Amino acid sequence: MDTPSLIFLGALTAIAGYFVFRFVKFGGIKAAMFGARIERTVGEAAGSGGKKIIKSIVRVHVLDGGPDKAVGLEFVAKSFVSYQLLTLALSESEVRKLIRFLENAVVEAGDHGT
């Protein structure tokens, strides 16, 4: 094998090893994406509206990541031919901010409905 092939193979092996290490360390693919173990799933909410061929779900997880990674939000969009997963780990203070934003949005949405 020539040098560029060895370098490419080494880099590919290092990247694959890194992902396998994270999967093992955190206990699964989703936990590795959060960067913390998932202690438990609190619940989920399904998206409404839009096209019925795409199902959207938000799951809320309690993470074992300390105050910097306290809560994980998992956004899933799936249809017949696709599956998308996005994870977001939030600190305790960011979760409190998000709660305030959501509560304000619900109040404003209620004001528009009356």
N, C-alpha and C. Protein backbone atom coordinates (compact mmCIF):
# COMPACT_ATOMS: atom_id res chain seq x y z
N MET A 1 0.85 -1.19 0.00
CA MET A 1 0.00 0.00 0.00
C MET A 1 0.88 1.24 0.00
N ASP A 2 0.41 2.24 -0.73
CA ASP A 2 1.16 3.50 -0.77
C ASP A 2 0.77 4.38 0.43
N THR A 3 1.52 5.42 0.65
CA THR A 3 1.36 6.28 1.82
C THR A 3 -0.02 6.95 1.89
N PRO A 4 -0.54 7.54 0.79
CA PRO A 4 -1.87 8.16 0.90
C PRO A 4 -2.96 7.17 1.30
N SER A 5 -2.88 5.95 0.81
CA SER A 5 -3.87 4.94 1.18
C SER A 5 -3.79 4.59 2.66
N LEU A 6 -2.57 4.50 3.17
CA LEU A 6 -2.38 4.21 4.59
C LEU A 6 -2.90 5.35 5.47
N ILE A 7 -2.66 6.57 5.04
CA ILE A 7 -3.15 7.74 5.79
C ILE A 7 -4.68 7.75 5.80
N PHE A 8 -5.28 7.50 4.63
CA PHE A 8 -6.74 7.47 4.54
C PHE A 8 -7.30 6.36 5.41
N LEU A 9 -6.74 5.18 5.34
CA LEU A 9 -7.20 4.04 6.13
C LEU A 9 -7.04 4.32 7.63
N GLY A 10 -5.93 4.94 8.00
CA GLY A 10 -5.71 5.30 9.41
C GLY A 10 -6.73 6.31 9.91
N ALA A 11 -7.01 7.33 9.09
CA ALA A 11 -8.00 8.34 9.47
C ALA A 11 -9.39 7.72 9.58
N LEU A 12 -9.74 6.87 8.63
CA LEU A 12 -11.04 6.21 8.66
C LEU A 12 -11.17 5.32 9.89
N THR A 13 -10.13 4.60 10.23
CA THR A 13 -10.13 3.75 11.42
C THR A 13 -10.26 4.58 12.69
N ALA A 14 -9.57 5.71 12.74
CA ALA A 14 -9.64 6.58 13.92
C ALA A 14 -11.05 7.14 14.11
N ILE A 15 -11.68 7.55 13.02
CA ILE A 15 -13.03 8.10 13.11
C ILE A 15 -14.02 7.02 13.55
N ALA A 16 -13.93 5.85 12.96
CA ALA A 16 -14.82 4.75 13.33
C ALA A 16 -14.59 4.35 14.79
N GLY A 17 -13.35 4.32 15.23
CA GLY A 17 -13.03 3.99 16.61
C GLY A 17 -13.60 5.01 17.58
N TYR A 18 -13.55 6.28 17.21
CA TYR A 18 -14.10 7.35 18.05
C TYR A 18 -15.60 7.15 18.26
N PHE A 19 -16.33 6.85 17.16
CA PHE A 19 -17.78 6.65 17.28
C PHE A 19 -18.11 5.40 18.09
N VAL A 20 -17.39 4.33 17.88
CA VAL A 20 -17.62 3.11 18.66
C VAL A 20 -17.35 3.37 20.14
N PHE A 21 -16.29 4.11 20.44
CA PHE A 21 -15.96 4.47 21.83
C PHE A 21 -17.12 5.24 22.47
N ARG A 22 -17.67 6.23 21.74
CA ARG A 22 -18.78 7.03 22.27
C ARG A 22 -20.03 6.18 22.47
N PHE A 23 -20.32 5.28 21.55
CA PHE A 23 -21.48 4.40 21.69
C PHE A 23 -21.36 3.56 22.96
N VAL A 24 -20.18 3.01 23.18
CA VAL A 24 -19.96 2.16 24.35
C VAL A 24 -19.97 2.99 25.63
N LYS A 25 -19.29 4.14 25.59
CA LYS A 25 -19.18 4.99 26.79
C LYS A 25 -20.54 5.49 27.27
N PHE A 26 -21.39 5.92 26.34
CA PHE A 26 -22.66 6.53 26.73
C PHE A 26 -23.84 5.56 26.66
N GLY A 27 -23.65 4.40 26.11
CA GLY A 27 -24.70 3.38 26.14
C GLY A 27 -25.67 3.40 24.98
N GLY A 28 -25.24 3.79 23.81
CA GLY A 28 -26.12 3.73 22.64
C GLY A 28 -25.91 4.90 21.71
N ILE A 29 -26.57 4.81 20.57
CA ILE A 29 -26.38 5.83 19.54
C ILE A 29 -26.96 7.18 19.98
N LYS A 30 -28.20 7.17 20.49
CA LYS A 30 -28.81 8.45 20.90
C LYS A 30 -28.04 9.08 22.05
N ALA A 31 -27.65 8.28 23.03
CA ALA A 31 -26.89 8.81 24.16
C ALA A 31 -25.56 9.39 23.68
N ALA A 32 -24.93 8.73 22.72
CA ALA A 32 -23.67 9.24 22.17
C ALA A 32 -23.91 10.58 21.47
N MET A 33 -25.06 10.72 20.81
CA MET A 33 -25.37 11.99 20.15
C MET A 33 -25.59 13.11 21.17
N PHE A 34 -26.19 12.76 22.33
CA PHE A 34 -26.37 13.75 23.39
C PHE A 34 -25.06 14.05 24.10
N GLY A 35 -24.15 13.09 24.13
CA GLY A 35 -22.91 13.24 24.88
C GLY A 35 -23.10 12.96 26.35
N ALA A 36 -24.16 12.22 26.69
CA ALA A 36 -24.46 11.86 28.08
C ALA A 36 -25.42 10.68 28.07
N ARG A 37 -25.37 9.89 29.13
CA ARG A 37 -26.30 8.76 29.24
C ARG A 37 -27.72 9.27 29.45
N ILE A 38 -28.68 8.52 28.90
CA ILE A 38 -30.09 8.84 29.10
C ILE A 38 -30.55 8.10 30.35
N GLU A 39 -30.92 8.85 31.40
CA GLU A 39 -31.42 8.23 32.63
C GLU A 39 -32.82 7.69 32.42
N ARG A 40 -33.68 8.52 31.82
CA ARG A 40 -35.05 8.07 31.55
C ARG A 40 -35.69 9.03 30.55
N THR A 41 -36.74 8.55 29.92
CA THR A 41 -37.52 9.36 29.00
C THR A 41 -38.75 9.87 29.75
N VAL A 42 -38.92 11.17 29.77
CA VAL A 42 -40.03 11.80 30.50
C VAL A 42 -41.33 11.67 29.71
N GLY A 43 -41.27 11.92 28.42
CA GLY A 43 -42.47 11.84 27.59
C GLY A 43 -42.19 12.30 26.18
N GLU A 44 -43.25 12.34 25.39
CA GLU A 44 -43.11 12.79 24.01
C GLU A 44 -44.36 13.54 23.60
N ALA A 45 -44.21 14.37 22.60
CA ALA A 45 -45.32 15.12 22.02
C ALA A 45 -45.25 15.00 20.51
N ALA A 46 -46.38 14.68 19.90
CA ALA A 46 -46.43 14.55 18.45
C ALA A 46 -46.79 15.90 17.84
N GLY A 47 -46.16 16.20 16.74
CA GLY A 47 -46.47 17.44 16.02
C GLY A 47 -47.82 17.33 15.35
N SER A 48 -48.53 18.44 15.30
CA SER A 48 -49.83 18.45 14.64
C SER A 48 -49.75 19.37 13.43
N GLY A 49 -50.71 19.22 12.55
CA GLY A 49 -50.73 20.04 11.36
C GLY A 49 -49.73 19.54 10.33
N GLY A 50 -49.61 20.28 9.29
CA GLY A 50 -48.69 19.88 8.24
C GLY A 50 -49.21 18.69 7.47
N LYS A 51 -48.31 18.07 6.75
CA LYS A 51 -48.68 16.93 5.93
C LYS A 51 -48.75 15.67 6.79
N LYS A 52 -49.75 14.88 6.58
CA LYS A 52 -49.94 13.66 7.37
C LYS A 52 -48.96 12.56 6.98
N ILE A 53 -48.28 12.71 5.84
CA ILE A 53 -47.34 11.67 5.43
C ILE A 53 -46.04 11.74 6.22
N ILE A 54 -45.82 12.86 6.90
CA ILE A 54 -44.63 13.01 7.74
C ILE A 54 -45.07 13.08 9.19
N LYS A 55 -44.54 12.19 10.00
CA LYS A 55 -44.87 12.16 11.44
C LYS A 55 -43.71 12.79 12.20
N SER A 56 -44.00 13.78 13.01
CA SER A 56 -42.98 14.48 13.80
C SER A 56 -43.23 14.24 15.28
N ILE A 57 -42.16 13.96 16.00
CA ILE A 57 -42.25 13.69 17.44
C ILE A 57 -41.10 14.40 18.14
N VAL A 58 -41.38 14.94 19.33
CA VAL A 58 -40.34 15.48 20.20
C VAL A 58 -40.38 14.66 21.48
N ARG A 59 -39.24 14.08 21.84
CA ARG A 59 -39.12 13.32 23.08
C ARG A 59 -38.24 14.09 24.05
N VAL A 60 -38.60 14.02 25.32
CA VAL A 60 -37.85 14.71 26.37
C VAL A 60 -37.19 13.66 27.25
N HIS A 61 -35.87 13.77 27.43
CA HIS A 61 -35.10 12.82 28.21
C HIS A 61 -34.39 13.52 29.36
N VAL A 62 -34.27 12.85 30.49
CA VAL A 62 -33.42 13.30 31.59
C VAL A 62 -32.04 12.68 31.33
N LEU A 63 -31.02 13.54 31.27
CA LEU A 63 -29.67 13.08 30.97
C LEU A 63 -28.81 13.02 32.23
N ASP A 64 -27.85 12.15 32.20
CA ASP A 64 -26.88 12.03 33.29
C ASP A 64 -25.61 12.78 32.89
N GLY A 65 -25.77 14.07 32.58
CA GLY A 65 -24.65 14.86 32.11
C GLY A 65 -24.33 16.05 32.99
N GLY A 66 -24.84 16.06 34.21
CA GLY A 66 -24.59 17.18 35.11
C GLY A 66 -25.42 18.38 34.70
N PRO A 67 -25.14 19.52 35.32
CA PRO A 67 -25.96 20.72 35.04
C PRO A 67 -25.82 21.25 33.61
N ASP A 68 -24.71 20.91 32.94
CA ASP A 68 -24.52 21.40 31.57
C ASP A 68 -25.29 20.57 30.53
N LYS A 69 -25.57 19.34 30.86
CA LYS A 69 -26.33 18.46 29.96
C LYS A 69 -27.40 17.75 30.80
N ALA A 70 -28.38 18.53 31.25
CA ALA A 70 -29.40 18.01 32.17
C ALA A 70 -30.58 17.39 31.45
N VAL A 71 -30.98 17.99 30.34
CA VAL A 71 -32.17 17.54 29.61
C VAL A 71 -31.82 17.40 28.14
N GLY A 72 -32.34 16.34 27.55
CA GLY A 72 -32.13 16.12 26.12
C GLY A 72 -33.45 16.18 25.38
N LEU A 73 -33.45 16.90 24.26
CA LEU A 73 -34.62 16.93 23.39
C LEU A 73 -34.26 16.15 22.13
N GLU A 74 -35.13 15.23 21.77
CA GLU A 74 -34.93 14.39 20.59
C GLU A 74 -36.03 14.72 19.60
N PHE A 75 -35.66 15.23 18.44
CA PHE A 75 -36.61 15.58 17.40
C PHE A 75 -36.55 14.50 16.32
N VAL A 76 -37.70 13.89 16.03
CA VAL A 76 -37.75 12.82 15.04
C VAL A 76 -38.80 13.20 13.99
N ALA A 77 -38.40 13.08 12.72
CA ALA A 77 -39.33 13.24 11.61
C ALA A 77 -39.19 12.01 10.73
N LYS A 78 -40.31 11.32 10.52
CA LYS A 78 -40.23 10.10 9.71
C LYS A 78 -41.41 10.02 8.76
N SER A 79 -41.13 9.40 7.64
CA SER A 79 -42.15 9.14 6.63
C SER A 79 -41.88 7.75 6.06
N PHE A 80 -42.56 7.44 5.00
CA PHE A 80 -42.43 6.13 4.38
C PHE A 80 -40.99 5.86 3.93
N VAL A 81 -40.31 6.87 3.44
CA VAL A 81 -38.97 6.66 2.86
C VAL A 81 -37.85 7.39 3.59
N SER A 82 -38.14 8.04 4.71
CA SER A 82 -37.06 8.77 5.37
C SER A 82 -37.21 8.75 6.89
N TYR A 83 -36.09 9.00 7.55
CA TYR A 83 -36.04 9.09 9.01
C TYR A 83 -34.97 10.10 9.36
N GLN A 84 -35.35 11.12 10.10
CA GLN A 84 -34.39 12.13 10.54
C GLN A 84 -34.43 12.22 12.05
N LEU A 85 -33.24 12.29 12.65
CA LEU A 85 -33.12 12.39 14.11
C LEU A 85 -32.16 13.52 14.43
N LEU A 86 -32.61 14.41 15.30
CA LEU A 86 -31.78 15.52 15.76
C LEU A 86 -31.85 15.54 17.27
N THR A 87 -30.71 15.61 17.92
CA THR A 87 -30.69 15.66 19.38
C THR A 87 -30.15 17.01 19.83
N LEU A 88 -30.62 17.44 20.99
CA LEU A 88 -30.18 18.70 21.57
C LEU A 88 -30.09 18.53 23.07
N ALA A 89 -28.89 18.67 23.62
CA ALA A 89 -28.68 18.61 25.07
C ALA A 89 -28.70 20.03 25.62
N LEU A 90 -29.48 20.25 26.67
CA LEU A 90 -29.63 21.58 27.25
C LEU A 90 -29.22 21.60 28.71
N SER A 91 -28.65 22.73 29.12
CA SER A 91 -28.32 22.92 30.53
C SER A 91 -29.60 23.26 31.28
N GLU A 92 -29.52 23.20 32.61
CA GLU A 92 -30.69 23.52 33.43
C GLU A 92 -31.19 24.93 33.16
N SER A 93 -30.29 25.89 33.03
CA SER A 93 -30.71 27.27 32.79
C SER A 93 -31.34 27.44 31.41
N GLU A 94 -30.82 26.74 30.41
CA GLU A 94 -31.40 26.83 29.07
C GLU A 94 -32.79 26.18 29.03
N VAL A 95 -32.98 25.12 29.80
CA VAL A 95 -34.30 24.48 29.88
C VAL A 95 -35.30 25.44 30.50
N ARG A 96 -34.90 26.13 31.55
CA ARG A 96 -35.81 27.11 32.17
C ARG A 96 -36.18 28.23 31.20
N LYS A 97 -35.21 28.69 30.41
CA LYS A 97 -35.50 29.71 29.39
C LYS A 97 -36.48 29.18 28.36
N LEU A 98 -36.25 27.94 27.90
CA LEU A 98 -37.14 27.34 26.91
C LEU A 98 -38.55 27.20 27.45
N ILE A 99 -38.69 26.83 28.71
CA ILE A 99 -40.01 26.72 29.34
C ILE A 99 -40.72 28.07 29.31
N ARG A 100 -40.00 29.14 29.66
CA ARG A 100 -40.60 30.48 29.63
C ARG A 100 -41.05 30.85 28.21
N PHE A 101 -40.20 30.57 27.21
CA PHE A 101 -40.55 30.88 25.83
C PHE A 101 -41.81 30.12 25.39
N LEU A 102 -41.88 28.83 25.75
CA LEU A 102 -43.04 28.02 25.37
C LEU A 102 -44.30 28.51 26.07
N GLU A 103 -44.19 28.84 27.35
CA GLU A 103 -45.35 29.35 28.07
C GLU A 103 -45.83 30.67 27.46
N ASN A 104 -44.91 31.56 27.11
CA ASN A 104 -45.28 32.83 26.48
C ASN A 104 -45.95 32.60 25.13
N ALA A 105 -45.43 31.65 24.36
CA ALA A 105 -46.00 31.35 23.05
C ALA A 105 -47.42 30.81 23.18
N VAL A 106 -47.66 29.97 24.19
CA VAL A 106 -49.00 29.43 24.41
C VAL A 106 -49.97 30.54 24.80
N VAL A 107 -49.54 31.46 25.64
CA VAL A 107 -50.38 32.58 26.05
C VAL A 107 -50.70 33.44 24.82
N GLU A 108 -49.70 33.75 24.01
CA GLU A 108 -49.93 34.57 22.81
C GLU A 108 -50.82 33.86 21.80
N ALA A 109 -50.63 32.56 21.65
CA ALA A 109 -51.49 31.79 20.73
C ALA A 109 -52.92 31.81 21.23
N GLY A 110 -53.13 31.74 22.53
CA GLY A 110 -54.48 31.80 23.10
C GLY A 110 -55.11 33.16 22.90
N ASP A 111 -54.31 34.23 22.95
CA ASP A 111 -54.81 35.58 22.72
C ASP A 111 -55.31 35.75 21.29
N HIS A 112 -54.64 35.10 20.34
CA HIS A 112 -55.05 35.21 18.93
C HIS A 112 -56.31 34.42 18.65
N GLY A 113 -56.57 33.38 19.45
CA GLY A 113 -57.74 32.53 19.21
C GLY A 113 -59.03 33.11 19.75
N THR A 114 -58.96 34.19 20.55
CA THR A 114 -60.19 34.75 21.14
C THR A 114 -60.61 36.02 20.46
